[in-house]
Amino acid sequence: MSFIEKTAVGNGKERRVLFDDALDVDFSIFSVHVFKQLIENNDIQQILSRGIRVLMDKDGVFEHIPEIEGKPFGESGSFPSPDEWTEMILDFWYHAVWSAKKLLRGECWTAKVCIDHDLKQLVLKMSEWHAKAKHGKSYDTWHNGRFFDQWADPVIIKDLNNCFAHYDAYDMQMALKHTMDLFRKVAKETAQRLDYPYPEQADKIATEWVYHQLKEHAE
């Protein structure tokens, strides 16, 4: 089977093909100009650093690839700036409240997407920062959750057992609360290691509102 979708980077398109025996190949086509810009991207370099094989390079685009290969994954830009740090945490607590509001309105689909995807992506990012703060900024956290169970802290993995919900309003409430607890714990540990401030007031206000409203709705 074969279909076309947008590329994750470069604002292009790729043809995804599934061959016999479930062999899958993505075919992405870019102009030389765009491709040169892409391989300067840190995320792309991190992917290329795992190893590539160049079949043909008439334009010399890959002349500096040996400098990329073998480069520790995520060596640069692995820690957030103080502003990025605060922004991400506030993003989490805002959407914790937002997902609770969706639950209270009976918008279960929207609430579940937020709880089990949007909030989990923020948990993932915080888990990456936590791992690098603990083991060093060159610690390999792959990308987009790949091999999460190998590089993430075992305590985080264990706590995730209660953080994903069935398509049930009560179960979503419990998953939301557990996700909030996990995020808080990981964020505070990371803040301590990075010597960053933790937005206690945002956490407190959001948590109190969520617990109060869900309890009141249940009664």
C-alpha atoms as a PDB file:
ATOM      1  CA  MET A   1       0.000   0.000   0.000  1.00  0.00           C
ATOM      2  CA  SER A   2       1.068   3.581  -0.553  1.00  0.00           C
ATOM      3  CA  PHE A   3      -0.135   7.043   0.400  1.00  0.00           C
ATOM      4  CA  ILE A   4       1.124  10.628   0.632  1.00  0.00           C
ATOM      5  CA  GLU A   5       1.436  12.769   3.740  1.00  0.00           C
ATOM      6  CA  LYS A   6       3.256  15.907   4.866  1.00  0.00           C
ATOM      7  CA  THR A   7       6.829  15.571   6.036  1.00  0.00           C
ATOM      8  CA  ALA A   8       7.576  16.209   9.703  1.00  0.00           C
ATOM      9  CA  VAL A   9      10.114  18.849   8.658  1.00  0.00           C
ATOM     10  CA  GLY A  10      10.688  20.998   5.597  1.00  0.00           C
ATOM     11  CA  ASN A  11       7.040  21.636   4.790  1.00  0.00           C
ATOM     12  CA  GLY A  12       7.200  19.027   2.038  1.00  0.00           C
ATOM     13  CA  LYS A  13       5.445  15.804   1.153  1.00  0.00           C
ATOM     14  CA  GLU A  14       6.526  12.197   1.278  1.00  0.00           C
ATOM     15  CA  ARG A  15       5.225   9.004  -0.233  1.00  0.00           C
ATOM     16  CA  ARG A  16       4.994   6.250   2.353  1.00  0.00           C
ATOM     17  CA  VAL A  17       5.126   2.751   0.948  1.00  0.00           C
ATOM     18  CA  LEU A  18       4.554  -0.604   2.601  1.00  0.00           C
ATOM     19  CA  PHE A  19       6.198  -3.449   0.684  1.00  0.00           C
ATOM     20  CA  ASP A  20       6.068  -7.215   1.161  1.00  0.00           C
ATOM     21  CA  ASP A  21       6.918  -8.521   4.644  1.00  0.00           C
ATOM     22  CA  ALA A  22       5.909  -5.139   6.120  1.00  0.00           C
ATOM     23  CA  LEU A  23       9.038  -3.355   4.830  1.00  0.00           C
ATOM     24  CA  ASP A  24       8.197   0.370   4.934  1.00  0.00           C
ATOM     25  CA  VAL A  25      10.023   3.137   3.078  1.00  0.00           C
ATOM     26  CA  ASP A  26       9.392   6.896   3.077  1.00  0.00           C
ATOM     27  CA  PHE A  27      10.280   8.757  -0.129  1.00  0.00           C
ATOM     28  CA  SER A  28      10.793  12.503   0.431  1.00  0.00           C
ATOM     29  CA  ILE A  29      11.825  14.837  -2.396  1.00  0.00           C
ATOM     30  CA  PHE A  30      13.285  18.314  -1.824  1.00  0.00           C
ATOM     31  CA  SER A  31      15.136  20.866  -3.919  1.00  0.00           C
ATOM     32  CA  VAL A  32      18.878  21.113  -3.302  1.00  0.00           C
ATOM     33  CA  HIS A  33      18.379  24.530  -1.691  1.00  0.00           C
ATOM     34  CA  VAL A  34      15.760  23.282   0.767  1.00  0.00           C
ATOM     35  CA  PHE A  35      17.692  20.105   1.491  1.00  0.00           C
ATOM     36  CA  LYS A  36      20.842  22.039   2.392  1.00  0.00           C
ATOM     37  CA  GLN A  37      18.768  24.028   4.868  1.00  0.00           C
ATOM     38  CA  LEU A  38      17.244  20.864   6.296  1.00  0.00           C
ATOM     39  CA  ILE A  39      20.545  19.169   7.085  1.00  0.00           C
ATOM     40  CA  GLU A  40      21.558  22.260   9.090  1.00  0.00           C
ATOM     41  CA  ASN A  41      18.558  21.645  11.343  1.00  0.00           C
ATOM     42  CA  ASN A  42      19.566  20.205  14.722  1.00  0.00           C
ATOM     43  CA  ASP A  43      16.707  17.683  14.743  1.00  0.00           C
ATOM     44  CA  ILE A  44      17.696  16.420  11.294  1.00  0.00           C
ATOM     45  CA  GLN A  45      21.342  16.189  12.315  1.00  0.00           C
ATOM     46  CA  GLN A  46      20.348  14.130  15.306  1.00  0.00           C
ATOM     47  CA  ILE A  47      18.553  11.671  13.038  1.00  0.00           C
ATOM     48  CA  LEU A  48      21.404  11.566  10.499  1.00  0.00           C
ATOM     49  CA  SER A  49      23.923  11.016  13.300  1.00  0.00           C
ATOM     50  CA  ARG A  50      22.547   7.511  13.741  1.00  0.00           C
ATOM     51  CA  GLY A  51      23.988   6.550  10.378  1.00  0.00           C
ATOM     52  CA  ILE A  52      23.113   7.002   6.717  1.00  0.00           C
ATOM     53  CA  ARG A  53      24.233   5.630   3.347  1.00  0.00           C
ATOM     54  CA  VAL A  54      24.566   8.076   0.458  1.00  0.00           C
ATOM     55  CA  LEU A  55      23.877   6.425  -2.906  1.00  0.00           C
ATOM     56  CA  MET A  56      24.556   9.459  -5.090  1.00  0.00           C
ATOM     57  CA  ASP A  57      25.434  13.079  -4.387  1.00  0.00           C
ATOM     58  CA  LYS A  58      26.082  15.069  -7.573  1.00  0.00           C
ATOM     59  CA  ASP A  59      25.709  18.413  -5.764  1.00  0.00           C
ATOM     60  CA  GLY A  60      28.003  17.666  -2.833  1.00  0.00           C
ATOM     61  CA  VAL A  61      25.257  18.199  -0.301  1.00  0.00           C
ATOM     62  CA  PHE A  62      26.600  15.470   1.983  1.00  0.00           C
ATOM     63  CA  GLU A  63      30.239  16.605   2.028  1.00  0.00           C
ATOM     64  CA  HIS A  64      30.095  17.377   5.743  1.00  0.00           C
ATOM     65  CA  ILE A  65      28.055  14.357   6.779  1.00  0.00           C
ATOM     66  CA  PRO A  66      31.082  12.591   8.362  1.00  0.00           C
ATOM     67  CA  GLU A  67      31.097  15.441  10.886  1.00  0.00           C
ATOM     68  CA  ILE A  68      27.482  14.661  11.757  1.00  0.00           C
ATOM     69  CA  GLU A  69      27.727  10.870  11.939  1.00  0.00           C
ATOM     70  CA  GLY A  70      28.729   9.679  15.362  1.00  0.00           C
ATOM     71  CA  LYS A  71      27.761  12.972  16.982  1.00  0.00           C
ATOM     72  CA  PRO A  72      26.075  12.259  20.343  1.00  0.00           C
ATOM     73  CA  PHE A  73      22.323  12.468  19.908  1.00  0.00           C
ATOM     74  CA  GLY A  74      20.944  15.698  21.317  1.00  0.00           C
ATOM     75  CA  GLU A  75      24.378  17.054  22.238  1.00  0.00           C
ATOM     76  CA  SER A  76      23.348  20.638  21.608  1.00  0.00           C
ATOM     77  CA  GLY A  77      20.218  22.467  22.670  1.00  0.00           C
ATOM     78  CA  SER A  78      19.235  19.710  25.078  1.00  0.00           C
ATOM     79  CA  PHE A  79      18.219  22.010  27.937  1.00  0.00           C
ATOM     80  CA  PRO A  80      15.475  24.646  27.686  1.00  0.00           C
ATOM     81  CA  SER A  81      16.048  28.314  28.302  1.00  0.00           C
ATOM     82  CA  PRO A  82      14.391  29.653  31.488  1.00  0.00           C
ATOM     83  CA  ASP A  83      11.619  31.174  29.357  1.00  0.00           C
ATOM     84  CA  GLU A  84      11.033  27.911  27.437  1.00  0.00           C
ATOM     85  CA  TRP A  85      10.994  26.048  30.735  1.00  0.00           C
ATOM     86  CA  THR A  86       8.317  28.253  32.291  1.00  0.00           C
ATOM     87  CA  GLU A  87       6.298  28.409  29.072  1.00  0.00           C
ATOM     88  CA  MET A  88       6.089  24.631  28.808  1.00  0.00           C
ATOM     89  CA  ILE A  89       5.007  24.161  32.415  1.00  0.00           C
ATOM     90  CA  LEU A  90       2.312  26.810  32.105  1.00  0.00           C
ATOM     91  CA  ASP A  91       1.201  25.128  28.882  1.00  0.00           C
ATOM     92  CA  PHE A  92       0.709  21.885  30.818  1.00  0.00           C
ATOM     93  CA  TRP A  93      -1.324  23.405  33.647  1.00  0.00           C
ATOM     94  CA  TYR A  94      -3.446  25.454  31.280  1.00  0.00           C
ATOM     95  CA  HIS A  95      -4.389  22.330  29.327  1.00  0.00           C
ATOM     96  CA  ALA A  96      -4.960  20.326  32.490  1.00  0.00           C
ATOM     97  CA  VAL A  97      -7.724  22.813  33.321  1.00  0.00           C
ATOM     98  CA  TRP A  98      -8.869  22.885  29.686  1.00  0.00           C
ATOM     99  CA  SER A  99      -9.253  19.101  29.485  1.00  0.00           C
ATOM    100  CA  ALA A 100     -11.192  19.060  32.766  1.00  0.00           C
ATOM    101  CA  LYS A 101     -13.573  21.671  31.345  1.00  0.00           C
ATOM    102  CA  LYS A 102     -14.120  19.496  28.271  1.00  0.00           C
ATOM    103  CA  LEU A 103     -14.908  16.521  30.509  1.00  0.00           C
ATOM    104  CA  LEU A 104     -17.412  18.550  32.503  1.00  0.00           C
ATOM    105  CA  ARG A 105     -19.139  19.602  29.273  1.00  0.00           C
ATOM    106  CA  GLY A 106     -19.427  16.000  28.157  1.00  0.00           C
ATOM    107  CA  GLU A 107     -16.903  16.429  25.322  1.00  0.00           C
ATOM    108  CA  CYS A 108     -15.223  13.115  26.035  1.00  0.00           C
ATOM    109  CA  TRP A 109     -13.446  12.720  22.696  1.00  0.00           C
ATOM    110  CA  THR A 110     -11.816  16.156  22.907  1.00  0.00           C
ATOM    111  CA  ALA A 111     -10.935  15.641  26.567  1.00  0.00           C
ATOM    112  CA  LYS A 112      -9.339  12.266  25.909  1.00  0.00           C
ATOM    113  CA  VAL A 113      -7.222  13.615  23.062  1.00  0.00           C
ATOM    114  CA  CYS A 114      -5.923  16.335  25.339  1.00  0.00           C
ATOM    115  CA  ILE A 115      -5.303  14.047  28.319  1.00  0.00           C
ATOM    116  CA  ASP A 116      -3.793  11.115  26.438  1.00  0.00           C
ATOM    117  CA  HIS A 117      -1.978  13.018  23.703  1.00  0.00           C
ATOM    118  CA  ASP A 118      -1.410  16.730  24.317  1.00  0.00           C
ATOM    119  CA  LEU A 119      -0.597  16.416  28.020  1.00  0.00           C
ATOM    120  CA  LYS A 120       1.402  13.248  27.397  1.00  0.00           C
ATOM    121  CA  GLN A 121       3.566  15.049  24.820  1.00  0.00           C
ATOM    122  CA  LEU A 122       4.430  17.552  27.535  1.00  0.00           C
ATOM    123  CA  VAL A 123       5.156  14.713  29.958  1.00  0.00           C
ATOM    124  CA  LEU A 124       7.420  13.239  27.285  1.00  0.00           C
ATOM    125  CA  LYS A 125       9.331  16.497  26.828  1.00  0.00           C
ATOM    126  CA  MET A 126       9.716  16.899  30.575  1.00  0.00           C
ATOM    127  CA  SER A 127      10.911  13.283  30.813  1.00  0.00           C
ATOM    128  CA  GLU A 128      13.582  14.042  28.199  1.00  0.00           C
ATOM    129  CA  TRP A 129      14.774  17.077  30.151  1.00  0.00           C
ATOM    130  CA  HIS A 130      14.671  15.027  33.352  1.00  0.00           C
ATOM    131  CA  ALA A 131      16.836  12.285  31.820  1.00  0.00           C
ATOM    132  CA  LYS A 132      19.381  14.768  30.478  1.00  0.00           C
ATOM    133  CA  ALA A 133      19.465  16.692  33.755  1.00  0.00           C
ATOM    134  CA  LYS A 134      20.154  13.426  35.549  1.00  0.00           C
ATOM    135  CA  HIS A 135      22.622  11.789  33.133  1.00  0.00           C
ATOM    136  CA  GLY A 136      24.099  14.720  31.191  1.00  0.00           C
ATOM    137  CA  LYS A 137      22.968  16.723  28.187  1.00  0.00           C
ATOM    138  CA  SER A 138      24.390  14.218  25.679  1.00  0.00           C
ATOM    139  CA  TYR A 139      22.250  11.412  27.156  1.00  0.00           C
ATOM    140  CA  ASP A 140      20.414   9.695  24.308  1.00  0.00           C
ATOM    141  CA  THR A 141      16.653  10.257  24.495  1.00  0.00           C
ATOM    142  CA  TRP A 142      16.070   9.517  20.790  1.00  0.00           C
ATOM    143  CA  HIS A 143      13.121  11.508  19.411  1.00  0.00           C
ATOM    144  CA  ASN A 144       9.346  11.630  19.750  1.00  0.00           C
ATOM    145  CA  GLY A 145       9.242   8.923  22.411  1.00  0.00           C
ATOM    146  CA  ARG A 146      11.262   6.327  20.507  1.00  0.00           C
ATOM    147  CA  PHE A 147      12.616   3.671  22.914  1.00  0.00           C
ATOM    148  CA  PHE A 148      11.077   5.578  25.815  1.00  0.00           C
ATOM    149  CA  ASP A 149      11.055   2.465  27.987  1.00  0.00           C
ATOM    150  CA  GLN A 150      14.822   2.153  27.602  1.00  0.00           C
ATOM    151  CA  TRP A 151      15.972   5.702  28.364  1.00  0.00           C
ATOM    152  CA  ALA A 152      13.280   7.132  30.684  1.00  0.00           C
ATOM    153  CA  ASP A 153      13.484   6.909  34.452  1.00  0.00           C
ATOM    154  CA  PRO A 154      11.935   3.604  35.654  1.00  0.00           C
ATOM    155  CA  VAL A 155       9.788   5.484  38.185  1.00  0.00           C
ATOM    156  CA  ILE A 156       8.218   7.513  35.368  1.00  0.00           C
ATOM    157  CA  ILE A 157       7.494   4.379  33.375  1.00  0.00           C
ATOM    158  CA  LYS A 158       5.861   2.750  36.399  1.00  0.00           C
ATOM    159  CA  ASP A 159       3.696   5.795  37.154  1.00  0.00           C
ATOM    160  CA  LEU A 160       2.447   5.905  33.563  1.00  0.00           C
ATOM    161  CA  ASN A 161       0.434   2.756  34.277  1.00  0.00           C
ATOM    162  CA  ASN A 162      -2.321   4.915  35.727  1.00  0.00           C
ATOM    163  CA  CYS A 163      -2.029   7.869  33.359  1.00  0.00           C
ATOM    164  CA  PHE A 164      -3.866   6.554  30.275  1.00  0.00           C
ATOM    165  CA  ALA A 165      -7.648   6.295  30.215  1.00  0.00           C
ATOM    166  CA  HIS A 166     -10.347   4.109  28.732  1.00  0.00           C
ATOM    167  CA  TYR A 167     -13.051   5.970  26.839  1.00  0.00           C
ATOM    168  CA  ASP A 168     -14.948   6.566  30.057  1.00  0.00           C
ATOM    169  CA  ALA A 169     -15.510   9.902  31.794  1.00  0.00           C
ATOM    170  CA  TYR A 170     -14.537   8.679  35.264  1.00  0.00           C
ATOM    171  CA  ASP A 171     -11.470   6.873  33.971  1.00  0.00           C
ATOM    172  CA  MET A 172     -10.423  10.045  32.145  1.00  0.00           C
ATOM    173  CA  GLN A 173     -10.737  12.025  35.370  1.00  0.00           C
ATOM    174  CA  MET A 174      -8.444   9.574  37.160  1.00  0.00           C
ATOM    175  CA  ALA A 175      -5.968   9.542  34.270  1.00  0.00           C
ATOM    176  CA  LEU A 176      -5.904  13.346  34.298  1.00  0.00           C
ATOM    177  CA  LYS A 177      -5.182  13.456  38.032  1.00  0.00           C
ATOM    178  CA  HIS A 178      -2.420  10.852  37.767  1.00  0.00           C
ATOM    179  CA  THR A 179      -0.905  12.690  34.799  1.00  0.00           C
ATOM    180  CA  MET A 180      -0.905  15.927  36.787  1.00  0.00           C
ATOM    181  CA  ASP A 181       0.797  14.195  39.712  1.00  0.00           C
ATOM    182  CA  LEU A 182       3.428  12.629  37.459  1.00  0.00           C
ATOM    183  CA  PHE A 183       4.188  15.845  35.597  1.00  0.00           C
ATOM    184  CA  ARG A 184       4.542  17.762  38.856  1.00  0.00           C
ATOM    185  CA  LYS A 185       6.931  15.200  40.311  1.00  0.00           C
ATOM    186  CA  VAL A 186       9.132  15.001  37.228  1.00  0.00           C
ATOM    187  CA  ALA A 187       9.130  18.766  36.685  1.00  0.00           C
ATOM    188  CA  LYS A 188      10.108  19.522  40.270  1.00  0.00           C
ATOM    189  CA  GLU A 189      12.938  16.978  40.211  1.00  0.00           C
ATOM    190  CA  THR A 190      14.168  18.440  36.934  1.00  0.00           C
ATOM    191  CA  ALA A 191      13.885  21.999  38.244  1.00  0.00           C
ATOM    192  CA  GLN A 192      16.018  21.078  41.216  1.00  0.00           C
ATOM    193  CA  ARG A 193      18.728  19.524  39.024  1.00  0.00           C
ATOM    194  CA  LEU A 194      18.759  22.441  36.564  1.00  0.00           C
ATOM    195  CA  ASP A 195      18.385  25.068  39.292  1.00  0.00           C
ATOM    196  CA  TYR A 196      15.269  26.441  37.573  1.00  0.00           C
ATOM    197  CA  PRO A 197      12.237  27.907  39.345  1.00  0.00           C
ATOM    198  CA  TYR A 198       9.023  25.909  39.414  1.00  0.00           C
ATOM    199  CA  PRO A 199       5.727  27.862  38.916  1.00  0.00           C
ATOM    200  CA  GLU A 200       4.146  26.758  42.181  1.00  0.00           C
ATOM    201  CA  GLN A 201       1.245  29.199  41.986  1.00  0.00           C
ATOM    202  CA  ALA A 202       0.131  28.044  38.534  1.00  0.00           C
ATOM    203  CA  ASP A 203       0.291  24.426  39.702  1.00  0.00           C
ATOM    204  CA  LYS A 204      -1.650  25.180  42.895  1.00  0.00           C
ATOM    205  CA  ILE A 205      -4.420  27.205  41.231  1.00  0.00           C
ATOM    206  CA  ALA A 206      -4.896  24.733  38.369  1.00  0.00           C
ATOM    207  CA  THR A 207      -4.855  21.681  40.633  1.00  0.00           C
ATOM    208  CA  GLU A 208      -7.315  23.123  43.129  1.00  0.00           C
ATOM    209  CA  TRP A 209      -9.695  24.144  40.352  1.00  0.00           C
ATOM    210  CA  VAL A 210      -9.591  20.741  38.647  1.00  0.00           C
ATOM    211  CA  TYR A 211     -10.118  18.772  41.860  1.00  0.00           C
ATOM    212  CA  HIS A 212     -12.875  21.080  43.117  1.00  0.00           C
ATOM    213  CA  GLN A 213     -14.808  21.102  39.849  1.00  0.00           C
ATOM    214  CA  LEU A 214     -14.566  17.352  39.262  1.00  0.00           C
ATOM    215  CA  LYS A 215     -15.658  16.632  42.835  1.00  0.00           C
ATOM    216  CA  GLU A 216     -18.558  19.081  42.605  1.00  0.00           C
ATOM    217  CA  HIS A 217     -19.668  17.600  39.297  1.00  0.00           C
ATOM    218  CA  ALA A 218     -19.591  14.085  40.759  1.00  0.00           C
ATOM    219  CA  GLU A 219     -21.825  15.134  43.624  1.00  0.00           C
END
